[in-house]
Each structure stands twice: as structure tokens, then as C-alpha cells.
Amino acid sequence: MSAYASSKLLGQVLSSECPSRKILEHLTSKWAVLVLRCLSDGVHRFSELKQRIEGISEKMLAQTLKTLEQDGFILRTVYPVVPPKVEYQLTISGSQAAEKVMYLVGWIEMKLPEILEGKK
């Protein structure tokens, strides 16, 4: 059992000290949600992700991919070829997280007319 799992903060996301807040922030950022959405379709290269996610800058995409990789949600594979080839895919945890995030996205899209109506 990890030190965190045995700590008093486990499951205490409402606590300002809970490390799960940072992961929650990473997973629910606008760009992370869209990256997870794309990668839930399978393996993609950086340029493919950039093309699919309208409005994302290269810097923001690179930063989002790096953060999700550091958190263990994305696997980055570099191939020893010229020109360099790098591919991104979801890890098992990433697939599980993407499934949950996509449930929320689906709910938003289904409820969008009601949500927009409520803004009037």
C-alpha cells in the first residue's frame, strides 16, 4: 500500500491538502478532456491531435500531453527513425479516466439545448 493510500487524506478531495485535486484539475481541463476524447479513438501523432482539436496551440497541446503522461494517463512512444516519429495512446488508467470524462461530455452534449435555454 502506498504512503498516500494509507494517509488520512484518501478520498478527501474537498480538503485543500488532498493531492487528488491536482489530478482532478489535470483531467478536467478543457484541453485534457479533448485530448482524452481523441485518444479514446486510438493511437495518434502530435500533428493529428493538433489537427483534430480546433483552437489548441502547439504549446498547449505539448503541455497537456506532458501533464497527462506524467500522471500516467498517456503513453508516449518515440520511434528511432528519421524524421522522428512520436505516438500517443491512452494507458489502462487513461482509458478508464477517458471513459468517465466522455460520460460527462456525452451528458453535456445531450443536455445542451436545455442548458442553453436556461442561460436566457
PDB file of N, CA and C in Angstrom:
ATOM      1  N   MET A   1       0.850  -1.178   0.000  1.00  0.00           N
ATOM      2  CA  MET A   1       0.000   0.000   0.000  1.00  0.00           C
ATOM      3  C   MET A   1       0.892   1.236   0.000  1.00  0.00           C
ATOM      4  N   SER A   2       0.555   2.220  -0.848  1.00  0.00           N
ATOM      5  CA  SER A   2       1.363   3.438  -0.920  1.00  0.00           C
ATOM      6  C   SER A   2       1.169   4.274   0.333  1.00  0.00           C
ATOM      7  N   ALA A   3       2.107   5.196   0.541  1.00  0.00           N
ATOM      8  CA  ALA A   3       2.005   6.083   1.697  1.00  0.00           C
ATOM      9  C   ALA A   3       0.730   6.907   1.610  1.00  0.00           C
ATOM     10  N   TYR A   4       0.384   7.336   0.378  1.00  0.00           N
ATOM     11  CA  TYR A   4      -0.829   8.137   0.218  1.00  0.00           C
ATOM     12  C   TYR A   4      -2.076   7.315   0.528  1.00  0.00           C
ATOM     13  N   ALA A   5      -2.120   6.071   0.059  1.00  0.00           N
ATOM     14  CA  ALA A   5      -3.297   5.228   0.270  1.00  0.00           C
ATOM     15  C   ALA A   5      -3.569   5.012   1.755  1.00  0.00           C
ATOM     16  N   SER A   6      -2.524   5.025   2.545  1.00  0.00           N
ATOM     17  CA  SER A   6      -2.719   4.811   3.974  1.00  0.00           C
ATOM     18  C   SER A   6      -2.908   6.122   4.735  1.00  0.00           C
ATOM     19  N   SER A   7      -2.825   7.236   4.028  1.00  0.00           N
ATOM     20  CA  SER A   7      -2.941   8.522   4.710  1.00  0.00           C
ATOM     21  C   SER A   7      -4.396   8.863   5.021  1.00  0.00           C
ATOM     22  N   LYS A   8      -4.573   9.841   5.843  1.00  0.00           N
ATOM     23  CA  LYS A   8      -5.909  10.289   6.223  1.00  0.00           C
ATOM     24  C   LYS A   8      -6.578  11.079   5.100  1.00  0.00           C
ATOM     25  N   LEU A   9      -5.830  11.446   4.067  1.00  0.00           N
ATOM     26  CA  LEU A   9      -6.384  12.266   3.000  1.00  0.00           C
ATOM     27  C   LEU A   9      -7.045  11.464   1.888  1.00  0.00           C
ATOM     28  N   LEU A  10      -6.911  10.166   1.902  1.00  0.00           N
ATOM     29  CA  LEU A  10      -7.502   9.341   0.861  1.00  0.00           C
ATOM     30  C   LEU A  10      -9.006   9.605   0.768  1.00  0.00           C
ATOM     31  N   GLY A  11      -9.448   9.992  -0.429  1.00  0.00           N
ATOM     32  CA  GLY A  11     -10.859  10.265  -0.633  1.00  0.00           C
ATOM     33  C   GLY A  11     -11.335  11.578  -0.053  1.00  0.00           C
ATOM     34  N   GLN A  12     -10.420  12.457   0.223  1.00  0.00           N
ATOM     35  CA  GLN A  12     -10.758  13.742   0.834  1.00  0.00           C
ATOM     36  C   GLN A  12     -10.572  14.896  -0.152  1.00  0.00           C
ATOM     37  N   VAL A  13     -11.159  14.780  -1.342  1.00  0.00           N
ATOM     38  CA  VAL A  13     -10.967  15.777  -2.396  1.00  0.00           C
ATOM     39  C   VAL A  13     -11.413  17.178  -1.960  1.00  0.00           C
ATOM     40  N   LEU A  14     -12.274  17.271  -0.985  1.00  0.00           N
ATOM     41  CA  LEU A  14     -12.700  18.581  -0.507  1.00  0.00           C
ATOM     42  C   LEU A  14     -11.639  19.266   0.343  1.00  0.00           C
ATOM     43  N   SER A  15     -10.661  18.504   0.800  1.00  0.00           N
ATOM     44  CA  SER A  15      -9.563  19.071   1.582  1.00  0.00           C
ATOM     45  C   SER A  15      -8.577  19.776   0.656  1.00  0.00           C
ATOM     46  N   SER A  16      -8.153  20.967   1.043  1.00  0.00           N
ATOM     47  CA  SER A  16      -7.184  21.717   0.231  1.00  0.00           C
ATOM     48  C   SER A  16      -5.838  21.007   0.165  1.00  0.00           C
ATOM     49  N   GLU A  17      -5.606  20.072   1.073  1.00  0.00           N
ATOM     50  CA  GLU A  17      -4.349  19.331   1.119  1.00  0.00           C
ATOM     51  C   GLU A  17      -4.352  18.049   0.282  1.00  0.00           C
ATOM     52  N   CYS A  18      -5.507  17.674  -0.225  1.00  0.00           N
ATOM     53  CA  CYS A  18      -5.639  16.392  -0.928  1.00  0.00           C
ATOM     54  C   CYS A  18      -4.958  16.450  -2.301  1.00  0.00           C
ATOM     55  N   PRO A  19      -4.003  15.540  -2.553  1.00  0.00           N
ATOM     56  CA  PRO A  19      -3.303  15.531  -3.837  1.00  0.00           C
ATOM     57  C   PRO A  19      -4.206  15.171  -5.022  1.00  0.00           C
ATOM     58  N   SER A  20      -5.367  14.596  -4.744  1.00  0.00           N
ATOM     59  CA  SER A  20      -6.264  14.248  -5.849  1.00  0.00           C
ATOM     60  C   SER A  20      -6.810  15.491  -6.549  1.00  0.00           C
ATOM     61  N   ARG A  21      -6.767  16.625  -5.887  1.00  0.00           N
ATOM     62  CA  ARG A  21      -7.235  17.860  -6.517  1.00  0.00           C
ATOM     63  C   ARG A  21      -6.422  18.201  -7.766  1.00  0.00           C
ATOM     64  N   LYS A  22      -5.129  17.986  -7.697  1.00  0.00           N
ATOM     65  CA  LYS A  22      -4.263  18.289  -8.841  1.00  0.00           C
ATOM     66  C   LYS A  22      -4.598  17.370 -10.009  1.00  0.00           C
ATOM     67  N   ILE A  23      -4.812  16.098  -9.728  1.00  0.00           N
ATOM     68  CA  ILE A  23      -5.174  15.146 -10.783  1.00  0.00           C
ATOM     69  C   ILE A  23      -6.532  15.518 -11.369  1.00  0.00           C
ATOM     70  N   LEU A  24      -7.463  15.878 -10.521  1.00  0.00           N
ATOM     71  CA  LEU A  24      -8.784  16.309 -10.983  1.00  0.00           C
ATOM     72  C   LEU A  24      -8.654  17.524 -11.904  1.00  0.00           C
ATOM     73  N   GLU A  25      -7.826  18.455 -11.516  1.00  0.00           N
ATOM     74  CA  GLU A  25      -7.576  19.645 -12.339  1.00  0.00           C
ATOM     75  C   GLU A  25      -6.983  19.254 -13.690  1.00  0.00           C
ATOM     76  N   HIS A  26      -6.026  18.346 -13.685  1.00  0.00           N
ATOM     77  CA  HIS A  26      -5.388  17.904 -14.933  1.00  0.00           C
ATOM     78  C   HIS A  26      -6.397  17.227 -15.860  1.00  0.00           C
ATOM     79  N   LEU A  27      -7.202  16.320 -15.316  1.00  0.00           N
ATOM     80  CA  LEU A  27      -8.135  15.541 -16.130  1.00  0.00           C
ATOM     81  C   LEU A  27      -9.315  16.344 -16.652  1.00  0.00           C
ATOM     82  N   THR A  28      -9.707  17.381 -15.926  1.00  0.00           N
ATOM     83  CA  THR A  28     -10.914  18.109 -16.309  1.00  0.00           C
ATOM     84  C   THR A  28     -10.632  19.441 -16.996  1.00  0.00           C
ATOM     85  N   SER A  29      -9.385  19.715 -17.311  1.00  0.00           N
ATOM     86  CA  SER A  29      -9.124  20.931 -18.080  1.00  0.00           C
ATOM     87  C   SER A  29      -9.718  20.750 -19.474  1.00  0.00           C
ATOM     88  N   LYS A  30     -10.096  21.854 -20.082  1.00  0.00           N
ATOM     89  CA  LYS A  30     -10.713  21.794 -21.414  1.00  0.00           C
ATOM     90  C   LYS A  30      -9.864  21.009 -22.388  1.00  0.00           C
ATOM     91  N   TRP A  31      -8.570  21.272 -22.418  1.00  0.00           N
ATOM     92  CA  TRP A  31      -7.699  20.625 -23.404  1.00  0.00           C
ATOM     93  C   TRP A  31      -7.482  19.157 -23.079  1.00  0.00           C
ATOM     94  N   ALA A  32      -7.377  18.829 -21.794  1.00  0.00           N
ATOM     95  CA  ALA A  32      -7.196  17.415 -21.416  1.00  0.00           C
ATOM     96  C   ALA A  32      -8.413  16.596 -21.816  1.00  0.00           C
ATOM     97  N   VAL A  33      -9.598  17.135 -21.615  1.00  0.00           N
ATOM     98  CA  VAL A  33     -10.820  16.429 -21.994  1.00  0.00           C
ATOM     99  C   VAL A  33     -10.810  16.152 -23.494  1.00  0.00           C
ATOM    100  N   LEU A  34     -10.408  17.135 -24.284  1.00  0.00           N
ATOM    101  CA  LEU A  34     -10.401  16.962 -25.739  1.00  0.00           C
ATOM    102  C   LEU A  34      -9.304  15.999 -26.189  1.00  0.00           C
ATOM    103  N   VAL A  35      -8.165  16.026 -25.531  1.00  0.00           N
ATOM    104  CA  VAL A  35      -7.090  15.071 -25.841  1.00  0.00           C
ATOM    105  C   VAL A  35      -7.545  13.658 -25.495  1.00  0.00           C
ATOM    106  N   LEU A  36      -8.132  13.488 -24.327  1.00  0.00           N
ATOM    107  CA  LEU A  36      -8.637  12.167 -23.928  1.00  0.00           C
ATOM    108  C   LEU A  36      -9.687  11.679 -24.922  1.00  0.00           C
ATOM    109  N   ARG A  37     -10.540  12.589 -25.372  1.00  0.00           N
ATOM    110  CA  ARG A  37     -11.566  12.236 -26.370  1.00  0.00           C
ATOM    111  C   ARG A  37     -10.916  11.697 -27.640  1.00  0.00           C
ATOM    112  N   CYS A  38      -9.910  12.403 -28.150  1.00  0.00           N
ATOM    113  CA  CYS A  38      -9.223  11.965 -29.375  1.00  0.00           C
ATOM    114  C   CYS A  38      -8.516  10.637 -29.174  1.00  0.00           C
ATOM    115  N   LEU A  39      -7.782  10.508 -28.080  1.00  0.00           N
ATOM    116  CA  LEU A  39      -7.009   9.295 -27.850  1.00  0.00           C
ATOM    117  C   LEU A  39      -7.890   8.094 -27.509  1.00  0.00           C
ATOM    118  N   SER A  40      -9.138   8.343 -27.129  1.00  0.00           N
ATOM    119  CA  SER A  40     -10.039   7.219 -26.889  1.00  0.00           C
ATOM    120  C   SER A  40     -10.365   6.506 -28.198  1.00  0.00           C
ATOM    121  N   ASP A  41     -10.095   7.168 -29.330  1.00  0.00           N
ATOM    122  CA  ASP A  41     -10.273   6.553 -30.652  1.00  0.00           C
ATOM    123  C   ASP A  41      -9.082   5.693 -31.047  1.00  0.00           C
ATOM    124  N   GLY A  42      -7.953   5.825 -30.338  1.00  0.00           N
ATOM    125  CA  GLY A  42      -6.762   5.048 -30.664  1.00  0.00           C
ATOM    126  C   GLY A  42      -5.503   5.899 -30.654  1.00  0.00           C
ATOM    127  N   VAL A  43      -4.452   5.349 -31.222  1.00  0.00           N
ATOM    128  CA  VAL A  43      -3.130   5.978 -31.237  1.00  0.00           C
ATOM    129  C   VAL A  43      -3.121   7.158 -32.210  1.00  0.00           C
ATOM    130  N   HIS A  44      -2.486   8.269 -31.773  1.00  0.00           N
ATOM    131  CA  HIS A  44      -2.373   9.455 -32.632  1.00  0.00           C
ATOM    132  C   HIS A  44      -0.997  10.080 -32.499  1.00  0.00           C
ATOM    133  N   ARG A  45      -0.583  10.716 -33.565  1.00  0.00           N
ATOM    134  CA  ARG A  45       0.642  11.513 -33.544  1.00  0.00           C
ATOM    135  C   ARG A  45       0.265  12.940 -33.146  1.00  0.00           C
ATOM    136  N   PHE A  46       1.278  13.708 -32.755  1.00  0.00           N
ATOM    137  CA  PHE A  46       1.076  15.082 -32.311  1.00  0.00           C
ATOM    138  C   PHE A  46       0.331  15.885 -33.372  1.00  0.00           C
ATOM    139  N   SER A  47       0.791  15.787 -34.615  1.00  0.00           N
ATOM    140  CA  SER A  47       0.178  16.577 -35.695  1.00  0.00           C
ATOM    141  C   SER A  47      -1.285  16.200 -35.912  1.00  0.00           C
ATOM    142  N   GLU A  48      -1.625  14.944 -35.719  1.00  0.00           N
ATOM    143  CA  GLU A  48      -3.020  14.507 -35.856  1.00  0.00           C
ATOM    144  C   GLU A  48      -3.880  15.115 -34.752  1.00  0.00           C
ATOM    145  N   LEU A  49      -3.351  15.114 -33.537  1.00  0.00           N
ATOM    146  CA  LEU A  49      -4.088  15.709 -32.424  1.00  0.00           C
ATOM    147  C   LEU A  49      -4.282  17.208 -32.649  1.00  0.00           C
ATOM    148  N   LYS A  50      -3.229  17.865 -33.083  1.00  0.00           N
ATOM    149  CA  LYS A  50      -3.283  19.313 -33.350  1.00  0.00           C
ATOM    150  C   LYS A  50      -4.345  19.620 -34.400  1.00  0.00           C
ATOM    151  N   GLN A  51      -4.424  18.796 -35.410  1.00  0.00           N
ATOM    152  CA  GLN A  51      -5.387  18.993 -36.485  1.00  0.00           C
ATOM    153  C   GLN A  51      -6.830  18.731 -36.015  1.00  0.00           C
ATOM    154  N   ARG A  52      -7.012  17.716 -35.206  1.00  0.00           N
ATOM    155  CA  ARG A  52      -8.359  17.338 -34.756  1.00  0.00           C
ATOM    156  C   ARG A  52      -8.937  18.283 -33.716  1.00  0.00           C
ATOM    157  N   ILE A  53      -8.074  18.823 -32.845  1.00  0.00           N
ATOM    158  CA  ILE A  53      -8.558  19.670 -31.745  1.00  0.00           C
ATOM    159  C   ILE A  53      -8.464  21.134 -32.175  1.00  0.00           C
ATOM    160  N   GLU A  54      -9.544  21.633 -32.729  1.00  0.00           N
ATOM    161  CA  GLU A  54      -9.552  23.002 -33.232  1.00  0.00           C
ATOM    162  C   GLU A  54      -9.280  23.999 -32.116  1.00  0.00           C
ATOM    163  N   GLY A  55      -8.408  24.947 -32.391  1.00  0.00           N
ATOM    164  CA  GLY A  55      -8.141  26.035 -31.453  1.00  0.00           C
ATOM    165  C   GLY A  55      -7.013  25.800 -30.471  1.00  0.00           C
ATOM    166  N   ILE A  56      -6.470  24.606 -30.403  1.00  0.00           N
ATOM    167  CA  ILE A  56      -5.386  24.350 -29.445  1.00  0.00           C
ATOM    168  C   ILE A  56      -4.056  24.767 -30.071  1.00  0.00           C
ATOM    169  N   SER A  57      -3.240  25.445 -29.289  1.00  0.00           N
ATOM    170  CA  SER A  57      -1.906  25.835 -29.762  1.00  0.00           C
ATOM    171  C   SER A  57      -0.951  24.660 -29.592  1.00  0.00           C
ATOM    172  N   GLU A  58       0.141  24.687 -30.323  1.00  0.00           N
ATOM    173  CA  GLU A  58       1.146  23.628 -30.172  1.00  0.00           C
ATOM    174  C   GLU A  58       1.664  23.580 -28.745  1.00  0.00           C
ATOM    175  N   LYS A  59       1.891  24.760 -28.171  1.00  0.00           N
ATOM    176  CA  LYS A  59       2.411  24.838 -26.804  1.00  0.00           C
ATOM    177  C   LYS A  59       1.430  24.202 -25.811  1.00  0.00           C
ATOM    178  N   MET A  60       0.151  24.515 -25.958  1.00  0.00           N
ATOM    179  CA  MET A  60      -0.845  23.979 -25.036  1.00  0.00           C
ATOM    180  C   MET A  60      -1.017  22.481 -25.212  1.00  0.00           C
ATOM    181  N   LEU A  61      -0.970  22.008 -26.461  1.00  0.00           N
ATOM    182  CA  LEU A  61      -1.067  20.575 -26.711  1.00  0.00           C
ATOM    183  C   LEU A  61       0.122  19.847 -26.097  1.00  0.00           C
ATOM    184  N   ALA A  62       1.308  20.371 -26.316  1.00  0.00           N
ATOM    185  CA  ALA A  62       2.516  19.745 -25.759  1.00  0.00           C
ATOM    186  C   ALA A  62       2.453  19.710 -24.235  1.00  0.00           C
ATOM    187  N   GLN A  63       2.021  20.798 -23.638  1.00  0.00           N
ATOM    188  CA  GLN A  63       1.927  20.879 -22.177  1.00  0.00           C
ATOM    189  C   GLN A  63       0.881  19.892 -21.645  1.00  0.00           C
ATOM    190  N   THR A  64      -0.261  19.809 -22.305  1.00  0.00           N
ATOM    191  CA  THR A  64      -1.326  18.899 -21.881  1.00  0.00           C
ATOM    192  C   THR A  64      -0.879  17.447 -21.996  1.00  0.00           C
ATOM    193  N   LEU A  65      -0.253  17.103 -23.116  1.00  0.00           N
ATOM    194  CA  LEU A  65       0.247  15.738 -23.295  1.00  0.00           C
ATOM    195  C   LEU A  65       1.279  15.386 -22.233  1.00  0.00           C
ATOM    196  N   LYS A  66       2.174  16.318 -21.947  1.00  0.00           N
ATOM    197  CA  LYS A  66       3.221  16.077 -20.948  1.00  0.00           C
ATOM    198  C   LYS A  66       2.606  15.850 -19.559  1.00  0.00           C
ATOM    199  N   THR A  67       1.636  16.677 -19.204  1.00  0.00           N
ATOM    200  CA  THR A  67       0.983  16.547 -17.899  1.00  0.00           C
ATOM    201  C   THR A  67       0.261  15.208 -17.780  1.00  0.00           C
ATOM    202  N   LEU A  68      -0.492  14.847 -18.814  1.00  0.00           N
ATOM    203  CA  LEU A  68      -1.229  13.583 -18.776  1.00  0.00           C
ATOM    204  C   LEU A  68      -0.275  12.385 -18.783  1.00  0.00           C
ATOM    205  N   GLU A  69       0.865  12.529 -19.456  1.00  0.00           N
ATOM    206  CA  GLU A  69       1.876  11.464 -19.436  1.00  0.00           C
ATOM    207  C   GLU A  69       2.479  11.328 -18.036  1.00  0.00           C
ATOM    208  N   GLN A  70       2.811  12.447 -17.411  1.00  0.00           N
ATOM    209  CA  GLN A  70       3.392  12.414 -16.065  1.00  0.00           C
ATOM    210  C   GLN A  70       2.422  11.811 -15.044  1.00  0.00           C
ATOM    211  N   ASP A  71       1.131  12.029 -15.265  1.00  0.00           N
ATOM    212  CA  ASP A  71       0.116  11.466 -14.365  1.00  0.00           C
ATOM    213  C   ASP A  71      -0.171   9.997 -14.658  1.00  0.00           C
ATOM    214  N   GLY A  72       0.393   9.472 -15.744  1.00  0.00           N
ATOM    215  CA  GLY A  72       0.214   8.057 -16.069  1.00  0.00           C
ATOM    216  C   GLY A  72      -1.008   7.739 -16.909  1.00  0.00           C
ATOM    217  N   PHE A  73      -1.598   8.764 -17.540  1.00  0.00           N
ATOM    218  CA  PHE A  73      -2.793   8.545 -18.349  1.00  0.00           C
ATOM    219  C   PHE A  73      -2.474   8.355 -19.828  1.00  0.00           C
ATOM    220  N   ILE A  74      -1.293   8.776 -20.239  1.00  0.00           N
ATOM    221  CA  ILE A  74      -0.896   8.685 -21.642  1.00  0.00           C
ATOM    222  C   ILE A  74       0.470   8.018 -21.738  1.00  0.00           C
ATOM    223  N   LEU A  75       0.606   7.176 -22.749  1.00  0.00           N
ATOM    224  CA  LEU A  75       1.894   6.561 -23.068  1.00  0.00           C
ATOM    225  C   LEU A  75       2.433   7.256 -24.312  1.00  0.00           C
ATOM    226  N   ARG A  76       3.644   7.757 -24.215  1.00  0.00           N
ATOM    227  CA  ARG A  76       4.318   8.424 -25.331  1.00  0.00           C
ATOM    228  C   ARG A  76       5.384   7.469 -25.848  1.00  0.00           C
ATOM    229  N   THR A  77       5.288   7.117 -27.144  1.00  0.00           N
ATOM    230  CA  THR A  77       6.246   6.197 -27.747  1.00  0.00           C
ATOM    231  C   THR A  77       7.042   6.931 -28.804  1.00  0.00           C
ATOM    232  N   VAL A  78       8.373   6.937 -28.643  1.00  0.00           N
ATOM    233  CA  VAL A  78       9.269   7.578 -29.600  1.00  0.00           C
ATOM    234  C   VAL A  78       9.953   6.488 -30.400  1.00  0.00           C
ATOM    235  N   TYR A  79       9.853   6.580 -31.714  1.00  0.00           N
ATOM    236  CA  TYR A  79      10.480   5.598 -32.598  1.00  0.00           C
ATOM    237  C   TYR A  79      11.822   6.130 -33.090  1.00  0.00           C
ATOM    238  N   PRO A  80      12.858   5.280 -33.110  1.00  0.00           N
ATOM    239  CA  PRO A  80      14.211   5.706 -33.507  1.00  0.00           C
ATOM    240  C   PRO A  80      14.349   5.776 -35.031  1.00  0.00           C
ATOM    241  N   VAL A  81      13.621   6.720 -35.636  1.00  0.00           N
ATOM    242  CA  VAL A  81      13.665   6.894 -37.086  1.00  0.00           C
ATOM    243  C   VAL A  81      13.899   8.362 -37.410  1.00  0.00           C
ATOM    244  N   VAL A  82      14.293   8.607 -38.649  1.00  0.00           N
ATOM    245  CA  VAL A  82      14.464   9.982 -39.129  1.00  0.00           C
ATOM    246  C   VAL A  82      13.510  10.160 -40.294  1.00  0.00           C
ATOM    247  N   PRO A  83      12.650  11.167 -40.259  1.00  0.00           N
ATOM    248  CA  PRO A  83      12.421  12.120 -39.166  1.00  0.00           C
ATOM    249  C   PRO A  83      11.788  11.430 -37.953  1.00  0.00           C
ATOM    250  N   PRO A  84      11.917  12.076 -36.790  1.00  0.00           N
ATOM    251  CA  PRO A  84      11.408  11.468 -35.559  1.00  0.00           C
ATOM    252  C   PRO A  84       9.912  11.161 -35.654  1.00  0.00           C
ATOM    253  N   LYS A  85       9.517  10.046 -35.081  1.00  0.00           N
ATOM    254  CA  LYS A  85       8.112   9.651 -35.042  1.00  0.00           C
ATOM    255  C   LYS A  85       7.734   9.419 -33.582  1.00  0.00           C
ATOM    256  N   VAL A  86       6.695  10.134 -33.137  1.00  0.00           N
ATOM    257  CA  VAL A  86       6.213  10.016 -31.761  1.00  0.00           C
ATOM    258  C   VAL A  86       4.717   9.753 -31.818  1.00  0.00           C
ATOM    259  N   GLU A  87       4.279   8.766 -31.048  1.00  0.00           N
ATOM    260  CA  GLU A  87       2.857   8.447 -30.985  1.00  0.00           C
ATOM    261  C   GLU A  87       2.380   8.503 -29.537  1.00  0.00           C
ATOM    262  N   TYR A  88       1.105   8.829 -29.393  1.00  0.00           N
ATOM    263  CA  TYR A  88       0.478   8.925 -28.074  1.00  0.00           C
ATOM    264  C   TYR A  88      -0.719   7.986 -28.023  1.00  0.00           C
ATOM    265  N   GLN A  89      -0.878   7.330 -26.876  1.00  0.00           N
ATOM    266  CA  GLN A  89      -2.035   6.476 -26.666  1.00  0.00           C
ATOM    267  C   GLN A  89      -2.367   6.473 -25.186  1.00  0.00           C
ATOM    268  N   LEU A  90      -3.589   6.079 -24.887  1.00  0.00           N
ATOM    269  CA  LEU A  90      -4.021   6.012 -23.501  1.00  0.00           C
ATOM    270  C   LEU A  90      -3.452   4.770 -22.827  1.00  0.00           C
ATOM    271  N   THR A  91      -3.098   4.904 -21.565  1.00  0.00           N
ATOM    272  CA  THR A  91      -2.748   3.758 -20.733  1.00  0.00           C
ATOM    273  C   THR A  91      -4.070   3.137 -20.252  1.00  0.00           C
ATOM    274  N   ILE A  92      -3.993   2.079 -19.498  1.00  0.00           N
ATOM    275  CA  ILE A  92      -5.214   1.489 -18.940  1.00  0.00           C
ATOM    276  C   ILE A  92      -5.928   2.504 -18.055  1.00  0.00           C
ATOM    277  N   SER A  93      -5.174   3.182 -17.193  1.00  0.00           N
ATOM    278  CA  SER A  93      -5.780   4.219 -16.341  1.00  0.00           C
ATOM    279  C   SER A  93      -6.341   5.353 -17.186  1.00  0.00           C
ATOM    280  N   GLY A  94      -5.629   5.700 -18.252  1.00  0.00           N
ATOM    281  CA  GLY A  94      -6.093   6.750 -19.148  1.00  0.00           C
ATOM    282  C   GLY A  94      -7.393   6.375 -19.827  1.00  0.00           C
ATOM    283  N   SER A  95      -7.507   5.120 -20.236  1.00  0.00           N
ATOM    284  CA  SER A  95      -8.758   4.634 -20.854  1.00  0.00           C
ATOM    285  C   SER A  95      -9.908   4.695 -19.864  1.00  0.00           C
ATOM    286  N   GLN A  96      -9.626   4.324 -18.634  1.00  0.00           N
ATOM    287  CA  GLN A  96     -10.664   4.361 -17.600  1.00  0.00           C
ATOM    288  C   GLN A  96     -11.090   5.803 -17.320  1.00  0.00           C
ATOM    289  N   ALA A  97     -10.120   6.700 -17.236  1.00  0.00           N
ATOM    290  CA  ALA A  97     -10.427   8.114 -16.998  1.00  0.00           C
ATOM    291  C   ALA A  97     -11.192   8.702 -18.183  1.00  0.00           C
ATOM    292  N   ALA A  98     -10.756   8.369 -19.401  1.00  0.00           N
ATOM    293  CA  ALA A  98     -11.423   8.874 -20.602  1.00  0.00           C
ATOM    294  C   ALA A  98     -12.879   8.421 -20.642  1.00  0.00           C
ATOM    295  N   GLU A  99     -13.123   7.198 -20.240  1.00  0.00           N
ATOM    296  CA  GLU A  99     -14.496   6.681 -20.211  1.00  0.00           C
ATOM    297  C   GLU A  99     -15.377   7.536 -19.310  1.00  0.00           C
ATOM    298  N   LYS A 100     -14.858   7.897 -18.143  1.00  0.00           N
ATOM    299  CA  LYS A 100     -15.629   8.713 -17.201  1.00  0.00           C
ATOM    300  C   LYS A 100     -15.825  10.126 -17.734  1.00  0.00           C
ATOM    301  N   VAL A 101     -14.773  10.695 -18.277  1.00  0.00           N
ATOM    302  CA  VAL A 101     -14.846  12.054 -18.822  1.00  0.00           C
ATOM    303  C   VAL A 101     -15.813  12.088 -20.006  1.00  0.00           C
ATOM    304  N   MET A 102     -15.776  11.051 -20.845  1.00  0.00           N
ATOM    305  CA  MET A 102     -16.648  11.019 -22.016  1.00  0.00           C
ATOM    306  C   MET A 102     -18.113  10.854 -21.615  1.00  0.00           C
ATOM    307  N   TYR A 103     -18.367  10.239 -20.496  1.00  0.00           N
ATOM    308  CA  TYR A 103     -19.733  10.157 -19.979  1.00  0.00           C
ATOM    309  C   TYR A 103     -20.247  11.571 -19.704  1.00  0.00           C
ATOM    310  N   LEU A 104     -19.426  12.394 -19.053  1.00  0.00           N
ATOM    311  CA  LEU A 104     -19.797  13.781 -18.761  1.00  0.00           C
ATOM    312  C   LEU A 104     -19.977  14.578 -20.049  1.00  0.00           C
ATOM    313  N   VAL A 105     -19.060  14.416 -21.000  1.00  0.00           N
ATOM    314  CA  VAL A 105     -19.157  15.109 -22.279  1.00  0.00           C
ATOM    315  C   VAL A 105     -20.455  14.709 -22.998  1.00  0.00           C
ATOM    316  N   GLY A 106     -20.764  13.439 -23.012  1.00  0.00           N
ATOM    317  CA  GLY A 106     -21.995  12.971 -23.641  1.00  0.00           C
ATOM    318  C   GLY A 106     -23.230  13.562 -22.990  1.00  0.00           C
ATOM    319  N   TRP A 107     -23.210  13.636 -21.664  1.00  0.00           N
ATOM    320  CA  TRP A 107     -24.330  14.225 -20.936  1.00  0.00           C
ATOM    321  C   TRP A 107     -24.489  15.694 -21.304  1.00  0.00           C
ATOM    322  N   ILE A 108     -23.371  16.432 -21.367  1.00  0.00           N
ATOM    323  CA  ILE A 108     -23.416  17.853 -21.739  1.00  0.00           C
ATOM    324  C   ILE A 108     -23.990  18.015 -23.142  1.00  0.00           C
ATOM    325  N   GLU A 109     -23.516  17.203 -24.077  1.00  0.00           N
ATOM    326  CA  GLU A 109     -23.998  17.319 -25.445  1.00  0.00           C
ATOM    327  C   GLU A 109     -25.490  16.981 -25.533  1.00  0.00           C
ATOM    328  N   MET A 110     -25.941  15.991 -24.777  1.00  0.00           N
ATOM    329  CA  MET A 110     -27.348  15.614 -24.785  1.00  0.00           C
ATOM    330  C   MET A 110     -28.222  16.723 -24.185  1.00  0.00           C
ATOM    331  N   LYS A 111     -27.725  17.346 -23.133  1.00  0.00           N
ATOM    332  CA  LYS A 111     -28.485  18.365 -22.411  1.00  0.00           C
ATOM    333  C   LYS A 111     -28.239  19.788 -22.936  1.00  0.00           C
ATOM    334  N   LEU A 112     -27.416  19.935 -23.957  1.00  0.00           N
ATOM    335  CA  LEU A 112     -27.022  21.264 -24.428  1.00  0.00           C
ATOM    336  C   LEU A 112     -28.210  22.173 -24.730  1.00  0.00           C
ATOM    337  N   PRO A 113     -29.240  21.710 -25.440  1.00  0.00           N
ATOM    338  CA  PRO A 113     -30.372  22.612 -25.686  1.00  0.00           C
ATOM    339  C   PRO A 113     -30.994  23.145 -24.385  1.00  0.00           C
ATOM    340  N   GLU A 114     -31.164  22.263 -23.399  1.00  0.00           N
ATOM    341  CA  GLU A 114     -31.725  22.687 -22.105  1.00  0.00           C
ATOM    342  C   GLU A 114     -30.786  23.653 -21.398  1.00  0.00           C
ATOM    343  N   ILE A 115     -29.508  23.343 -21.429  1.00  0.00           N
ATOM    344  CA  ILE A 115     -28.526  24.198 -20.769  1.00  0.00           C
ATOM    345  C   ILE A 115     -28.526  25.584 -21.394  1.00  0.00           C
ATOM    346  N   LEU A 116     -28.497  25.621 -22.727  1.00  0.00           N
ATOM    347  CA  LEU A 116     -28.501  26.905 -23.430  1.00  0.00           C
ATOM    348  C   LEU A 116     -29.808  27.654 -23.194  1.00  0.00           C
ATOM    349  N   GLU A 117     -30.918  26.950 -23.120  1.00  0.00           N
ATOM    350  CA  GLU A 117     -32.209  27.571 -22.859  1.00  0.00           C
ATOM    351  C   GLU A 117     -32.209  28.214 -21.467  1.00  0.00           C
ATOM    352  N   GLY A 118     -31.593  27.543 -20.511  1.00  0.00           N
ATOM    353  CA  GLY A 118     -31.524  28.057 -19.150  1.00  0.00           C
ATOM    354  C   GLY A 118     -30.694  29.324 -19.016  1.00  0.00           C
ATOM    355  N   LYS A 119     -29.841  29.580 -19.994  1.00  0.00           N
ATOM    356  CA  LYS A 119     -28.988  30.783 -19.941  1.00  0.00           C
ATOM    357  C   LYS A 119     -29.731  32.030 -20.374  1.00  0.00           C
ATOM    358  N   LYS A 120     -30.928  31.866 -20.964  1.00  0.00           N
ATOM    359  CA  LYS A 120     -31.678  33.028 -21.465  1.00  0.00           C
ATOM    360  C   LYS A 120     -32.354  33.777 -20.353  1.00  0.00           C
TER     361      LYS A 120
END
